[in-house]
C-alpha atoms as a PDB file:
ATOM      1  CA  UNK A   1      -0.192  -0.263  -0.255  1.00  0.00           C
ATOM      2  CA  UNK A   2       2.870   2.396   0.906  1.00  0.00           C
ATOM      3  CA  UNK A   3       4.604   1.194  -2.317  1.00  0.00           C
ATOM      4  CA  UNK A   4       0.966   2.172  -4.254  1.00  0.00           C
ATOM      5  CA  UNK A   5       0.705   6.018  -2.506  1.00  0.00           C
ATOM      6  CA  UNK A   6       4.781   5.932  -3.151  1.00  0.00           C
ATOM      7  CA  UNK A   7       4.194   6.249  -6.164  1.00  0.00           C
ATOM      8  CA  UNK A   8       0.481   8.113  -6.507  1.00  0.00           C
ATOM      9  CA  UNK A   9       2.202  10.564  -5.327  1.00  0.00           C
ATOM     10  CA  UNK A  10       5.666  11.116  -7.782  1.00  0.00           C
ATOM     11  CA  UNK A  11       3.460   9.946 -10.934  1.00  0.00           C
ATOM     12  CA  UNK A  12       1.052  13.067  -9.759  1.00  0.00           C
ATOM     13  CA  UNK A  13       4.476  15.645  -9.435  1.00  0.00           C
ATOM     14  CA  UNK A  14       5.475  15.188 -12.838  1.00  0.00           C
ATOM     15  CA  UNK A  15       1.146  15.297 -14.335  1.00  0.00           C
ATOM     16  CA  UNK A  16       0.920  18.103 -12.520  1.00  0.00           C
ATOM     17  CA  UNK A  17       3.778  20.094 -11.748  1.00  0.00           C
ATOM     18  CA  UNK A  18       5.518  21.669 -15.482  1.00  0.00           C
ATOM     19  CA  UNK A  19       8.308  22.506 -14.489  1.00  0.00           C
ATOM     20  CA  UNK A  20       9.089  18.864 -13.784  1.00  0.00           C
ATOM     21  CA  UNK A  21       8.775  18.399 -17.119  1.00  0.00           C
ATOM     22  CA  UNK A  22      11.577  18.627 -19.263  1.00  0.00           C
ATOM     23  CA  UNK A  23      13.089  21.586 -20.323  1.00  0.00           C
ATOM     24  CA  UNK A  24      13.684  22.293 -23.863  1.00  0.00           C
ATOM     25  CA  UNK A  25      16.682  23.073 -26.085  1.00  0.00           C
ATOM     26  CA  UNK A  26      15.901  26.857 -26.623  1.00  0.00           C
ATOM     27  CA  UNK A  27      14.857  27.793 -23.179  1.00  0.00           C
ATOM     28  CA  UNK A  28      17.849  25.537 -21.291  1.00  0.00           C
ATOM     29  CA  UNK A  29      19.630  29.087 -20.307  1.00  0.00           C
ATOM     30  CA  UNK A  30      20.026  31.388 -17.628  1.00  0.00           C
ATOM     31  CA  UNK A  31      21.120  34.499 -18.041  1.00  0.00           C
ATOM     32  CA  UNK A  32      20.915  38.290 -15.427  1.00  0.00           C
ATOM     33  CA  UNK A  33      18.412  39.975 -15.418  1.00  0.00           C
ATOM     34  CA  UNK A  34      19.182  43.643 -16.863  1.00  0.00           C
ATOM     35  CA  UNK A  35      20.961  46.335 -14.530  1.00  0.00           C
ATOM     36  CA  UNK A  36      19.546  43.294 -11.630  1.00  0.00           C
ATOM     37  CA  UNK A  37      21.036  40.093  -9.543  1.00  0.00           C
ATOM     38  CA  UNK A  38      18.889  37.871  -9.715  1.00  0.00           C
ATOM     39  CA  UNK A  39      19.382  34.789 -12.111  1.00  0.00           C
ATOM     40  CA  UNK A  40      16.325  33.188 -13.966  1.00  0.00           C
ATOM     41  CA  UNK A  41      16.675  29.633 -15.466  1.00  0.00           C
ATOM     42  CA  UNK A  42      14.757  30.660 -18.738  1.00  0.00           C
ATOM     43  CA  UNK A  43      12.913  26.955 -18.952  1.00  0.00           C
ATOM     44  CA  UNK A  44      11.931  27.729 -15.255  1.00  0.00           C
ATOM     45  CA  UNK A  45      10.199  30.870 -16.247  1.00  0.00           C
ATOM     46  CA  UNK A  46       8.618  30.795 -19.713  1.00  0.00           C
ATOM     47  CA  UNK A  47       8.316  26.851 -20.739  1.00  0.00           C
ATOM     48  CA  UNK A  48       4.868  26.471 -21.858  1.00  0.00           C
ATOM     49  CA  UNK A  49       4.491  29.932 -23.966  1.00  0.00           C
ATOM     50  CA  UNK A  50       4.990  31.452 -27.062  1.00  0.00           C
ATOM     51  CA  UNK A  51       8.261  33.261 -26.756  1.00  0.00           C
ATOM     52  CA  UNK A  52       9.868  36.352 -29.247  1.00  0.00           C
ATOM     53  CA  UNK A  53      13.650  36.409 -28.383  1.00  0.00           C
ATOM     54  CA  UNK A  54      14.494  40.455 -29.770  1.00  0.00           C
ATOM     55  CA  UNK A  55      18.676  40.987 -29.456  1.00  0.00           C
ATOM     56  CA  UNK A  56      17.815  45.107 -29.253  1.00  0.00           C
ATOM     57  CA  UNK A  57      19.968  48.284 -28.640  1.00  0.00           C
ATOM     58  CA  UNK A  58      19.072  51.891 -28.032  1.00  0.00           C
ATOM     59  CA  UNK A  59      20.884  54.208 -30.747  1.00  0.00           C
ATOM     60  CA  UNK A  60      19.828  52.611 -34.208  1.00  0.00           C
ATOM     61  CA  UNK A  61      17.266  53.267 -36.627  1.00  0.00           C
ATOM     62  CA  UNK A  62      14.995  50.594 -35.340  1.00  0.00           C
ATOM     63  CA  UNK A  63      15.023  51.569 -31.661  1.00  0.00           C
ATOM     64  CA  UNK A  64      11.129  52.346 -32.361  1.00  0.00           C
ATOM     65  CA  UNK A  65      10.205  48.670 -32.463  1.00  0.00           C
ATOM     66  CA  UNK A  66      10.626  48.722 -28.087  1.00  0.00           C
ATOM     67  CA  UNK A  67       6.925  50.447 -29.369  1.00  0.00           C
ATOM     68  CA  UNK A  68       6.002  48.075 -30.919  1.00  0.00           C
ATOM     69  CA  UNK A  69       7.264  45.066 -29.495  1.00  0.00           C
ATOM     70  CA  UNK A  70       5.845  46.121 -26.107  1.00  0.00           C
ATOM     71  CA  UNK A  71       2.699  46.491 -27.398  1.00  0.00           C
ATOM     72  CA  UNK A  72       2.691  42.253 -29.063  1.00  0.00           C
ATOM     73  CA  UNK A  73       3.874  41.884 -25.124  1.00  0.00           C
ATOM     74  CA  UNK A  74       1.229  44.080 -23.796  1.00  0.00           C
ATOM     75  CA  UNK A  75      -1.822  42.275 -26.486  1.00  0.00           C
ATOM     76  CA  UNK A  76      -0.815  39.185 -25.892  1.00  0.00           C
ATOM     77  CA  UNK A  77       0.526  38.241 -23.137  1.00  0.00           C
ATOM     78  CA  UNK A  78      -2.472  37.304 -21.654  1.00  0.00           C
ATOM     79  CA  UNK A  79      -2.602  34.783 -24.348  1.00  0.00           C
ATOM     80  CA  UNK A  80       0.687  33.028 -23.436  1.00  0.00           C
ATOM     81  CA  UNK A  81       3.721  35.297 -25.202  1.00  0.00           C
ATOM     82  CA  UNK A  82       6.524  36.755 -23.653  1.00  0.00           C
ATOM     83  CA  UNK A  83       8.447  39.442 -24.398  1.00  0.00           C
ATOM     84  CA  UNK A  84      12.141  38.850 -24.028  1.00  0.00           C
ATOM     85  CA  UNK A  85      14.497  41.545 -24.902  1.00  0.00           C
ATOM     86  CA  UNK A  86      18.811  40.756 -24.956  1.00  0.00           C
ATOM     87  CA  UNK A  87      20.744  44.293 -25.170  1.00  0.00           C
ATOM     88  CA  UNK A  88      23.353  44.297 -27.463  1.00  0.00           C
ATOM     89  CA  UNK A  89      26.908  46.592 -28.693  1.00  0.00           C
ATOM     90  CA  UNK A  90      27.275  44.158 -31.464  1.00  0.00           C
ATOM     91  CA  UNK A  91      26.326  47.030 -34.662  1.00  0.00           C
ATOM     92  CA  UNK A  92      27.273  49.962 -35.253  1.00  0.00           C
ATOM     93  CA  UNK A  93      28.367  50.425 -31.391  1.00  0.00           C
ATOM     94  CA  UNK A  94      24.329  51.087 -31.260  1.00  0.00           C
ATOM     95  CA  UNK A  95      24.225  49.621 -27.435  1.00  0.00           C
ATOM     96  CA  UNK A  96      27.338  51.375 -25.416  1.00  0.00           C
ATOM     97  CA  UNK A  97      25.947  52.868 -22.069  1.00  0.00           C
ATOM     98  CA  UNK A  98      25.892  50.660 -19.020  1.00  0.00           C
ATOM     99  CA  UNK A  99      22.816  48.053 -18.412  1.00  0.00           C
ATOM    100  CA  UNK A 100      21.986  51.492 -16.017  1.00  0.00           C
ATOM    101  CA  UNK A 101      21.454  52.823 -18.516  1.00  0.00           C
ATOM    102  CA  UNK A 102      19.404  50.940 -20.877  1.00  0.00           C
ATOM    103  CA  UNK A 103      16.997  49.570 -18.177  1.00  0.00           C
ATOM    104  CA  UNK A 104      16.232  53.044 -17.261  1.00  0.00           C
ATOM    105  CA  UNK A 105      16.061  54.127 -21.180  1.00  0.00           C
ATOM    106  CA  UNK A 106      13.695  51.741 -21.819  1.00  0.00           C
ATOM    107  CA  UNK A 107      11.743  52.144 -19.495  1.00  0.00           C
ATOM    108  CA  UNK A 108      11.064  56.506 -18.636  1.00  0.00           C
ATOM    109  CA  UNK A 109      11.018  56.486 -23.412  1.00  0.00           C
ATOM    110  CA  UNK A 110       8.688  53.271 -23.953  1.00  0.00           C
ATOM    111  CA  UNK A 111       7.900  51.908 -20.797  1.00  0.00           C
ATOM    112  CA  UNK A 112       8.805  48.981 -21.470  1.00  0.00           C
ATOM    113  CA  UNK A 113       7.397  45.581 -19.028  1.00  0.00           C
ATOM    114  CA  UNK A 114       8.827  42.937 -20.898  1.00  0.00           C
ATOM    115  CA  UNK A 115      11.250  40.720 -19.386  1.00  0.00           C
ATOM    116  CA  UNK A 116      15.138  42.236 -20.552  1.00  0.00           C
ATOM    117  CA  UNK A 117      18.207  40.969 -19.948  1.00  0.00           C
ATOM    118  CA  UNK A 118      21.677  41.306 -19.329  1.00  0.00           C
ATOM    119  CA  UNK A 119      24.015  42.789 -22.251  1.00  0.00           C
ATOM    120  CA  UNK A 120      25.188  39.745 -24.536  1.00  0.00           C
ATOM    121  CA  UNK A 121      26.908  40.099 -27.479  1.00  0.00           C
ATOM    122  CA  UNK A 122      25.044  37.856 -30.452  1.00  0.00           C
ATOM    123  CA  UNK A 123      26.865  38.133 -33.528  1.00  0.00           C
ATOM    124  CA  UNK A 124      28.245  34.819 -34.764  1.00  0.00           C
ATOM    125  CA  UNK A 125      32.094  34.164 -33.777  1.00  0.00           C
ATOM    126  CA  UNK A 126      30.999  36.194 -30.581  1.00  0.00           C
ATOM    127  CA  UNK A 127      27.919  35.101 -29.505  1.00  0.00           C
ATOM    128  CA  UNK A 128      26.654  34.460 -25.927  1.00  0.00           C
ATOM    129  CA  UNK A 129      25.301  30.709 -26.199  1.00  0.00           C
ATOM    130  CA  UNK A 130      21.698  30.591 -26.145  1.00  0.00           C
ATOM    131  CA  UNK A 131      22.204  32.799 -29.596  1.00  0.00           C
ATOM    132  CA  UNK A 132      24.449  30.268 -30.286  1.00  0.00           C
ATOM    133  CA  UNK A 133      21.617  27.959 -30.535  1.00  0.00           C
ATOM    134  CA  UNK A 134      18.784  29.597 -32.204  1.00  0.00           C
ATOM    135  CA  UNK A 135      20.936  30.796 -35.287  1.00  0.00           C
ATOM    136  CA  UNK A 136      22.229  26.441 -35.626  1.00  0.00           C
ATOM    137  CA  UNK A 137      18.542  25.657 -34.875  1.00  0.00           C
ATOM    138  CA  UNK A 138      17.759  29.031 -37.858  1.00  0.00           C
ATOM    139  CA  UNK A 139      21.134  29.049 -40.185  1.00  0.00           C
ATOM    140  CA  UNK A 140      20.853  32.958 -38.947  1.00  0.00           C
ATOM    141  CA  UNK A 141      22.728  34.779 -36.304  1.00  0.00           C
ATOM    142  CA  UNK A 142      21.618  38.542 -36.041  1.00  0.00           C
ATOM    143  CA  UNK A 143      23.360  41.166 -38.827  1.00  0.00           C
ATOM    144  CA  UNK A 144      21.838  43.622 -37.463  1.00  0.00           C
ATOM    145  CA  UNK A 145      19.826  45.028 -33.778  1.00  0.00           C
ATOM    146  CA  UNK A 146      16.602  43.598 -33.921  1.00  0.00           C
ATOM    147  CA  UNK A 147      16.326  40.138 -35.584  1.00  0.00           C
ATOM    148  CA  UNK A 148      13.700  37.932 -32.840  1.00  0.00           C
ATOM    149  CA  UNK A 149      13.215  34.521 -33.545  1.00  0.00           C
ATOM    150  CA  UNK A 150       9.759  33.188 -32.733  1.00  0.00           C
ATOM    151  CA  UNK A 151       9.412  29.913 -29.896  1.00  0.00           C
ATOM    152  CA  UNK A 152       6.209  27.696 -30.297  1.00  0.00           C
ATOM    153  CA  UNK A 153       5.144  25.907 -26.396  1.00  0.00           C
ATOM    154  CA  UNK A 154       6.863  23.511 -27.383  1.00  0.00           C
ATOM    155  CA  UNK A 155       9.990  25.511 -27.164  1.00  0.00           C
ATOM    156  CA  UNK A 156      10.926  24.649 -31.065  1.00  0.00           C
ATOM    157  CA  UNK A 157      12.350  27.369 -32.901  1.00  0.00           C
ATOM    158  CA  UNK A 158       9.873  28.192 -35.541  1.00  0.00           C
ATOM    159  CA  UNK A 159      11.099  30.991 -37.478  1.00  0.00           C
ATOM    160  CA  UNK A 160      13.262  34.211 -37.576  1.00  0.00           C
ATOM    161  CA  UNK A 161      13.022  37.132 -38.789  1.00  0.00           C
ATOM    162  CA  UNK A 162      14.865  40.662 -39.033  1.00  0.00           C
ATOM    163  CA  UNK A 163      15.688  44.287 -38.156  1.00  0.00           C
ATOM    164  CA  UNK A 164      12.803  45.519 -41.213  1.00  0.00           C
ATOM    165  CA  UNK A 165      10.213  42.645 -39.824  1.00  0.00           C
ATOM    166  CA  UNK A 166       8.475  45.278 -38.201  1.00  0.00           C
ATOM    167  CA  UNK A 167       6.743  43.573 -34.821  1.00  0.00           C
ATOM    168  CA  UNK A 168       3.438  45.176 -36.523  1.00  0.00           C
ATOM    169  CA  UNK A 169       3.865  43.174 -39.840  1.00  0.00           C
ATOM    170  CA  UNK A 170       0.778  41.428 -40.287  1.00  0.00           C
ATOM    171  CA  UNK A 171       2.608  38.829 -41.664  1.00  0.00           C
ATOM    172  CA  UNK A 172       4.392  38.218 -38.395  1.00  0.00           C
ATOM    173  CA  UNK A 173       1.551  38.649 -36.350  1.00  0.00           C
ATOM    174  CA  UNK A 174      -0.091  35.528 -37.553  1.00  0.00           C
ATOM    175  CA  UNK A 175       2.892  33.398 -36.688  1.00  0.00           C
ATOM    176  CA  UNK A 176       2.339  34.381 -33.360  1.00  0.00           C
ATOM    177  CA  UNK A 177      -1.235  33.832 -33.217  1.00  0.00           C
ATOM    178  CA  UNK A 178      -1.222  30.362 -35.356  1.00  0.00           C
ATOM    179  CA  UNK A 179       1.377  29.086 -31.895  1.00  0.00           C
ATOM    180  CA  UNK A 180      -0.867  31.270 -29.492  1.00  0.00           C
END
C-alpha cells in the first residue's frame, strides 16, 4: 500500500508540475535580469509559453520597434506570449551604455514592461550560447539589431525575422497568433 501511495505521489508530481517536465533546449539557459542580480533559468520562467527573443539596441534606426514589441507583449501576454529583450552592442556601437542606462532608457522612453536581460553578444563568432543555439536552429545569426526569434509552446524555434520586419507586420502577427 505504501508503494502505491509513493507511486501516486511521484506520478502526481510529474503530471501536475510543468517545471518537472524536460526543459526545451531553446530555453535551457540561465541569464541575469537587466541591471540586476537575479539569474533566471528561462525554462523555469517561460516553458509552455510562446517566446519572442529579440536583440535590442537603444541608439539604432530600429529602436522605435520597442513600441511595437511592448504593444505585442501587452496585447498577447494573457494568451501566453512573452517577449524577451537582450541588449547588445555588437552592431554599430548602438548600445554603448551600462545596463542601468539601458534599463532607464527602456522604461522612460518606451515604458518597457516585457522582461529584459543582461547585455550580451549575438554576432557570429562571439555570440552568447543562447544566440549560438538560435543560429544553429535557424541558420541565421543576427545581422543587425532587432532580429526576432519565435519559439513555440513546446520550445521549438519555429522562425526568425530580420530587423526590417516590424512587430506589427501582418505576416509576423499571423505567425504569433497561430502559435497562441
